[in-house]
Amino acid sequence: MTVSKPSRSEPAAAGVAALDAVDAPPRDQRDDALAARDCALRLLAQREHSTDELRSKLKKRGYATATIAEVVASLDDAHSVSDVRFAESFVRVRSERGQGPLKIRAELRERGVADGVVDEAMMATAEFWLERAQRARVKRFGSAPPADRDAWNRQARFLAQRGYPADLIYRTLGAVRA
């Protein structure tokens, strides 16, 4: 059995780390707030976040609740984070993916967006959602209407799982064929 020798840099690195620990000033709340703000800005640079999402992500990274509240409030005042902007972006992206209004509304609520903001973001017309449902159905099943009751039920289940309400499903699929 051979024992490896420690490298020359290991003792020096351990000594430097020990000196840094002794000389380092204690981390104060101001540094913590700056670090939390930098972290939040990096998250917002990647994509829009709701204020609730931002709070939970900062909490997971170990920042204090008071620091998080201060940082999120300052970002909100600077219009760097906005639930309205997040909801509009979320609705646009999810509807392009073929998801329906019921599913999108539920996901926005899960992300902590207030009901008034959700309602405002979801104010698309019924024709908009009908067109989205038709597009999702055609993408999955082709342009031909359902040939029989089984095909109609399969397509209806598909649209329901995507979050489309029953009235839009009936308008999209038309009458059930025998």
Protein backbone atom coordinates (compact mmCIF):
# COMPACT_ATOMS: atom_id res chain seq x y z
CA MET A 1 0.00 0.00 0.00
CA THR A 2 1.43 3.33 -1.03
CA VAL A 3 0.76 6.57 0.73
CA SER A 4 0.73 9.68 -1.41
CA LYS A 5 2.68 12.69 -0.28
CA PRO A 6 0.80 15.94 0.25
CA SER A 7 1.56 18.53 -2.36
CA ARG A 8 3.61 21.59 -1.53
CA SER A 9 0.61 23.90 -2.01
CA GLU A 10 -1.69 22.12 0.50
CA PRO A 11 0.00 23.39 3.70
CA ALA A 12 0.30 26.89 2.27
CA ALA A 13 -3.35 26.96 1.22
CA ALA A 14 -4.45 25.79 4.67
CA GLY A 15 -2.35 28.52 6.28
CA VAL A 16 -3.79 31.24 4.03
CA ALA A 17 -7.35 30.08 4.71
CA ALA A 18 -6.69 30.19 8.44
CA LEU A 19 -5.32 33.74 8.17
CA ASP A 20 -8.31 34.81 6.08
CA ALA A 21 -10.69 33.45 8.69
CA VAL A 22 -8.95 35.38 11.44
CA ASP A 23 -8.65 38.67 9.52
CA ALA A 24 -12.08 38.59 7.85
CA PRO A 25 -14.58 41.01 9.36
CA PRO A 26 -17.94 39.53 10.32
CA ARG A 27 -20.48 39.60 7.55
CA ASP A 28 -23.00 42.29 8.32
CA GLN A 29 -26.58 42.74 7.18
CA ARG A 30 -25.62 45.25 4.48
CA ASP A 31 -23.37 42.72 2.76
CA ASP A 32 -26.11 40.12 3.09
CA ALA A 33 -28.64 42.48 1.47
CA LEU A 34 -26.25 43.25 -1.39
CA ALA A 35 -25.59 39.56 -1.95
CA ALA A 36 -29.33 38.82 -1.89
CA ARG A 37 -29.99 41.66 -4.34
CA ASP A 38 -27.29 40.39 -6.69
CA CYS A 39 -28.73 36.88 -6.48
CA ALA A 40 -32.25 38.19 -7.19
CA LEU A 41 -31.05 40.22 -10.17
CA ARG A 42 -29.27 37.17 -11.60
CA LEU A 43 -32.51 35.19 -11.27
CA LEU A 44 -34.50 37.97 -12.94
CA ALA A 45 -31.97 38.18 -15.76
CA GLN A 46 -32.75 34.57 -16.66
CA ARG A 47 -36.54 34.99 -16.80
CA GLU A 48 -39.44 36.86 -15.21
CA HIS A 49 -40.35 35.72 -11.70
CA SER A 50 -43.32 36.49 -9.50
CA THR A 51 -42.49 38.18 -6.21
CA ASP A 52 -43.52 35.01 -4.37
CA GLU A 53 -41.21 32.86 -6.52
CA LEU A 54 -38.36 35.29 -5.93
CA ARG A 55 -38.93 35.20 -2.18
CA SER A 56 -38.93 31.40 -2.07
CA LYS A 57 -35.78 31.12 -4.22
CA LEU A 58 -33.93 33.58 -1.99
CA LYS A 59 -35.17 31.71 1.09
CA LYS A 60 -33.81 28.44 -0.35
CA ARG A 61 -30.44 30.13 -0.74
CA GLY A 62 -30.39 30.90 2.97
CA TYR A 63 -31.09 34.62 3.18
CA ALA A 64 -32.92 36.02 6.20
CA THR A 65 -36.62 36.80 5.90
CA ALA A 66 -36.10 40.49 6.72
CA THR A 67 -33.37 40.76 4.08
CA ILE A 68 -35.59 39.06 1.50
CA ALA A 69 -38.48 41.41 2.24
CA GLU A 70 -36.21 44.44 1.91
CA VAL A 71 -34.66 43.26 -1.36
CA VAL A 72 -37.96 42.27 -2.99
CA ALA A 73 -39.56 45.57 -1.95
CA SER A 74 -36.66 47.57 -3.43
CA LEU A 75 -36.80 45.56 -6.67
CA ASP A 76 -40.56 46.09 -6.84
CA ASP A 77 -40.11 49.84 -6.35
CA ALA A 78 -37.54 49.86 -9.16
CA HIS A 79 -39.94 47.88 -11.41
CA SER A 80 -37.37 45.09 -11.73
CA VAL A 81 -39.89 42.51 -10.56
CA SER A 82 -43.56 42.70 -11.46
CA ASP A 83 -46.34 40.18 -10.94
CA VAL A 84 -48.30 41.79 -13.80
CA ARG A 85 -45.42 41.43 -16.23
CA PHE A 86 -44.75 37.88 -15.01
CA ALA A 87 -48.41 36.88 -15.46
CA GLU A 88 -48.60 38.32 -18.97
CA SER A 89 -45.43 36.53 -20.00
CA PHE A 90 -46.57 33.29 -18.37
CA VAL A 91 -49.97 33.36 -20.12
CA ARG A 92 -48.36 34.08 -23.48
CA VAL A 93 -45.81 31.26 -23.21
CA ARG A 94 -48.19 28.66 -21.82
CA SER A 95 -50.95 29.42 -24.30
CA GLU A 96 -48.43 29.09 -27.14
CA ARG A 97 -47.65 25.60 -25.79
CA GLY A 98 -51.33 24.72 -26.12
CA GLN A 99 -52.32 24.89 -22.48
CA GLY A 100 -55.79 26.07 -21.61
CA PRO A 101 -57.06 28.84 -19.34
CA LEU A 102 -57.95 26.61 -16.39
CA LYS A 103 -54.47 25.09 -16.15
CA ILE A 104 -52.71 28.42 -16.66
CA ARG A 105 -54.86 30.09 -14.00
CA ALA A 106 -54.10 27.30 -11.50
CA GLU A 107 -50.36 27.50 -12.18
CA LEU A 108 -50.34 31.27 -11.70
CA ARG A 109 -52.09 30.87 -8.36
CA GLU A 110 -49.49 28.26 -7.34
CA ARG A 111 -46.80 30.83 -8.06
CA GLY A 112 -48.40 33.31 -5.69
CA VAL A 113 -49.90 35.73 -8.20
CA ALA A 114 -52.95 37.56 -6.84
CA ASP A 115 -56.35 36.73 -8.32
CA GLY A 116 -56.87 40.27 -9.66
CA VAL A 117 -53.58 40.11 -11.57
CA VAL A 118 -54.46 36.63 -12.88
CA ASP A 119 -57.86 37.84 -14.08
CA GLU A 120 -56.27 40.80 -15.85
CA ALA A 121 -53.69 38.61 -17.58
CA MET A 122 -56.32 36.05 -18.63
CA MET A 123 -58.67 38.61 -20.24
CA ALA A 124 -58.33 37.08 -23.69
CA THR A 125 -61.53 36.58 -25.63
CA ALA A 126 -63.28 33.24 -25.96
CA GLU A 127 -62.30 33.21 -29.64
CA PHE A 128 -58.63 33.41 -28.65
CA TRP A 129 -58.95 30.33 -26.42
CA LEU A 130 -61.07 28.51 -29.01
CA GLU A 131 -58.36 29.10 -31.61
CA ARG A 132 -55.70 27.83 -29.16
CA ALA A 133 -57.74 24.69 -28.43
CA GLN A 134 -58.20 24.02 -32.14
CA ARG A 135 -54.49 24.52 -32.76
CA ALA A 136 -53.57 22.09 -29.95
CA ARG A 137 -56.04 19.49 -31.25
CA VAL A 138 -54.81 19.76 -34.84
CA LYS A 139 -51.18 19.53 -33.74
CA ARG A 140 -51.88 16.32 -31.83
CA PHE A 141 -54.57 14.60 -33.93
CA GLY A 142 -54.49 16.20 -37.38
CA SER A 143 -57.06 18.34 -39.12
CA ALA A 144 -59.72 15.65 -39.64
CA PRO A 145 -62.60 15.81 -37.14
CA PRO A 146 -63.03 12.89 -34.74
CA ALA A 147 -64.37 9.92 -36.71
CA ASP A 148 -66.32 8.22 -33.91
CA ARG A 149 -67.26 8.49 -30.28
CA ASP A 150 -64.00 6.92 -29.05
CA ALA A 151 -61.89 9.39 -31.04
CA TRP A 152 -64.07 12.27 -29.80
CA ASN A 153 -63.65 11.12 -26.17
CA ARG A 154 -59.88 10.72 -26.60
CA GLN A 155 -59.55 14.23 -28.02
CA ALA A 156 -61.84 15.67 -25.34
CA ARG A 157 -59.69 14.07 -22.60
CA PHE A 158 -56.58 15.49 -24.23
CA LEU A 159 -58.02 19.02 -24.24
CA ALA A 160 -59.34 18.67 -20.68
CA GLN A 161 -55.89 17.60 -19.45
CA ARG A 162 -54.46 20.66 -21.14
CA GLY A 163 -56.79 22.85 -19.08
CA TYR A 164 -59.58 23.74 -21.50
CA PRO A 165 -63.10 24.07 -20.04
CA ALA A 166 -65.93 21.85 -21.24
CA ASP A 167 -67.68 24.56 -23.27
CA LEU A 168 -64.52 25.18 -25.33
CA ILE A 169 -64.00 21.45 -25.81
CA TYR A 170 -67.52 21.05 -27.20
CA ARG A 171 -67.06 24.07 -29.48
CA THR A 172 -63.70 22.76 -30.67
CA LEU A 173 -64.73 19.16 -31.36
CA GLY A 174 -68.27 19.76 -32.53
CA ALA A 175 -71.03 17.20 -32.27
CA VAL A 176 -70.25 13.63 -31.32
CA ARG A 177 -70.48 11.25 -34.28
CA ALA A 178 -72.14 7.90 -33.83
